[in-house]
Amino acid sequence: MADVHCSRCGQTREGFERPPFPGAIGARVQAGICRECWAQWLKQQTMLINEYRLTPIEPKARKFLEGEMEKFFFGPGSQAPEGFQPPK
């Protein structure tokens, strides 16, 4: 695995051999996001799916999740739903 200078955390860490997601955003993740930040995204994505009760196979849900992924890695960050309380 090649190391990448992660644009999210700013550290040089292990990257991806192949894009972890299809399409252009997957290529951007492969080029500039580390595996640790990807793992953080997977937790965020799971929370979004559960809180919004999304069905990831539905095109509208997939588009929403891709938009949140874009914000999480390359924008201001993906936010939790209003009133979300993480489990203790």
C-alpha atoms as a PDB file:
ATOM      1  CA  MET A   1       0.000   0.000   0.000  1.00  0.00           C
ATOM      2  CA  ALA A   2       1.195   3.460  -0.821  1.00  0.00           C
ATOM      3  CA  ASP A   3       1.178   6.192   1.765  1.00  0.00           C
ATOM      4  CA  VAL A   4      -0.796   9.359   1.066  1.00  0.00           C
ATOM      5  CA  HIS A   5      -0.697  12.802   2.586  1.00  0.00           C
ATOM      6  CA  CYS A   6      -4.292  12.858   3.776  1.00  0.00           C
ATOM      7  CA  SER A   7      -6.150  16.051   2.935  1.00  0.00           C
ATOM      8  CA  ARG A   8      -8.574  15.447   5.814  1.00  0.00           C
ATOM      9  CA  CYS A   9      -6.243  14.815   8.780  1.00  0.00           C
ATOM     10  CA  GLY A  10      -3.060  16.317   7.320  1.00  0.00           C
ATOM     11  CA  GLN A  11      -0.908  13.299   8.136  1.00  0.00           C
ATOM     12  CA  THR A  12       0.949  10.871   5.894  1.00  0.00           C
ATOM     13  CA  ARG A  13      -0.630   7.473   6.393  1.00  0.00           C
ATOM     14  CA  GLU A  14      -1.542   4.277   4.603  1.00  0.00           C
ATOM     15  CA  GLY A  15      -3.733   4.841   1.547  1.00  0.00           C
ATOM     16  CA  PHE A  16      -5.631   2.587  -0.835  1.00  0.00           C
ATOM     17  CA  GLU A  17      -4.457   0.275  -3.584  1.00  0.00           C
ATOM     18  CA  ARG A  18      -7.811   0.726  -5.360  1.00  0.00           C
ATOM     19  CA  PRO A  19     -10.594   3.284  -4.953  1.00  0.00           C
ATOM     20  CA  PRO A  20     -12.754   2.311  -1.952  1.00  0.00           C
ATOM     21  CA  PHE A  21     -15.835   3.723  -3.694  1.00  0.00           C
ATOM     22  CA  PRO A  22     -16.871   3.836  -7.365  1.00  0.00           C
ATOM     23  CA  GLY A  23     -16.686   6.907  -9.553  1.00  0.00           C
ATOM     24  CA  ALA A  24     -14.803  10.178  -9.392  1.00  0.00           C
ATOM     25  CA  ILE A  25     -15.163  10.597  -5.646  1.00  0.00           C
ATOM     26  CA  GLY A  26     -13.646   7.139  -5.112  1.00  0.00           C
ATOM     27  CA  ALA A  27     -10.633   8.172  -7.194  1.00  0.00           C
ATOM     28  CA  ARG A  28     -10.289  11.377  -5.128  1.00  0.00           C
ATOM     29  CA  VAL A  29     -10.421   9.351  -1.917  1.00  0.00           C
ATOM     30  CA  GLN A  30      -7.771   6.954  -3.221  1.00  0.00           C
ATOM     31  CA  ALA A  31      -5.519   9.852  -4.216  1.00  0.00           C
ATOM     32  CA  GLY A  32      -5.710  11.843  -1.007  1.00  0.00           C
ATOM     33  CA  ILE A  33      -7.449  10.155   1.942  1.00  0.00           C
ATOM     34  CA  CYS A  34      -5.917   7.734   4.443  1.00  0.00           C
ATOM     35  CA  ARG A  35      -7.483   4.503   5.653  1.00  0.00           C
ATOM     36  CA  GLU A  36      -8.034   5.905   9.159  1.00  0.00           C
ATOM     37  CA  CYS A  37     -10.134   8.783   7.853  1.00  0.00           C
ATOM     38  CA  TRP A  38     -12.031   6.340   5.620  1.00  0.00           C
ATOM     39  CA  ALA A  39     -12.850   4.280   8.731  1.00  0.00           C
ATOM     40  CA  GLN A  40     -14.169   7.462  10.378  1.00  0.00           C
ATOM     41  CA  TRP A  41     -16.346   8.060   7.321  1.00  0.00           C
ATOM     42  CA  LEU A  42     -17.786   4.537   7.529  1.00  0.00           C
ATOM     43  CA  LYS A  43     -18.889   5.247  11.113  1.00  0.00           C
ATOM     44  CA  GLN A  44     -20.396   8.577  10.043  1.00  0.00           C
ATOM     45  CA  GLN A  45     -22.145   6.919   7.105  1.00  0.00           C
ATOM     46  CA  THR A  46     -23.602   4.215   9.363  1.00  0.00           C
ATOM     47  CA  MET A  47     -24.911   6.873  11.730  1.00  0.00           C
ATOM     48  CA  LEU A  48     -26.506   8.783   8.835  1.00  0.00           C
ATOM     49  CA  ILE A  49     -28.128   5.623   7.450  1.00  0.00           C
ATOM     50  CA  ASN A  50     -29.535   4.728  10.850  1.00  0.00           C
ATOM     51  CA  GLU A  51     -30.663   8.198  11.936  1.00  0.00           C
ATOM     52  CA  TYR A  52     -32.276   9.099   8.610  1.00  0.00           C
ATOM     53  CA  ARG A  53     -33.483   5.516   8.091  1.00  0.00           C
ATOM     54  CA  LEU A  54     -31.944   5.390   4.625  1.00  0.00           C
ATOM     55  CA  THR A  55     -31.997   2.456   2.269  1.00  0.00           C
ATOM     56  CA  PRO A  56     -28.602   2.687   0.531  1.00  0.00           C
ATOM     57  CA  ILE A  57     -29.840   0.855  -2.557  1.00  0.00           C
ATOM     58  CA  GLU A  58     -32.280   3.705  -3.333  1.00  0.00           C
ATOM     59  CA  PRO A  59     -30.817   6.291  -5.736  1.00  0.00           C
ATOM     60  CA  LYS A  60     -31.970   9.251  -3.614  1.00  0.00           C
ATOM     61  CA  ALA A  61     -30.257   7.809  -0.514  1.00  0.00           C
ATOM     62  CA  ARG A  62     -27.068   7.061  -2.448  1.00  0.00           C
ATOM     63  CA  LYS A  63     -26.966  10.602  -3.803  1.00  0.00           C
ATOM     64  CA  PHE A  64     -27.444  11.996  -0.278  1.00  0.00           C
ATOM     65  CA  LEU A  65     -24.657   9.782   1.108  1.00  0.00           C
ATOM     66  CA  GLU A  66     -22.287  10.729  -1.718  1.00  0.00           C
ATOM     67  CA  GLY A  67     -22.959  14.391  -0.984  1.00  0.00           C
ATOM     68  CA  GLU A  68     -22.239  13.825   2.701  1.00  0.00           C
ATOM     69  CA  MET A  69     -19.048  11.945   1.784  1.00  0.00           C
ATOM     70  CA  GLU A  70     -17.950  14.898  -0.348  1.00  0.00           C
ATOM     71  CA  LYS A  71     -18.547  17.264   2.593  1.00  0.00           C
ATOM     72  CA  PHE A  72     -16.862  14.890   5.061  1.00  0.00           C
ATOM     73  CA  PHE A  73     -13.625  14.595   3.083  1.00  0.00           C
ATOM     74  CA  PHE A  74     -13.375  17.716   0.957  1.00  0.00           C
ATOM     75  CA  GLY A  75     -15.732  20.288   2.459  1.00  0.00           C
ATOM     76  CA  PRO A  76     -16.883  21.634   5.798  1.00  0.00           C
ATOM     77  CA  GLY A  77     -17.618  18.168   7.185  1.00  0.00           C
ATOM     78  CA  SER A  78     -20.711  16.018   7.439  1.00  0.00           C
ATOM     79  CA  GLN A  79     -22.895  16.907  10.397  1.00  0.00           C
ATOM     80  CA  ALA A  80     -25.018  14.677  12.589  1.00  0.00           C
ATOM     81  CA  PRO A  81     -28.790  15.140  12.345  1.00  0.00           C
ATOM     82  CA  GLU A  82     -30.262  17.774  14.642  1.00  0.00           C
ATOM     83  CA  GLY A  83     -30.852  16.353  18.090  1.00  0.00           C
ATOM     84  CA  PHE A  84     -28.566  13.350  17.541  1.00  0.00           C
ATOM     85  CA  GLN A  85     -27.195  11.906  20.781  1.00  0.00           C
ATOM     86  CA  PRO A  86     -24.380   9.381  20.334  1.00  0.00           C
ATOM     87  CA  PRO A  87     -24.814   6.123  22.266  1.00  0.00           C
ATOM     88  CA  LYS A  88     -23.021   5.950  25.611  1.00  0.00           C
END
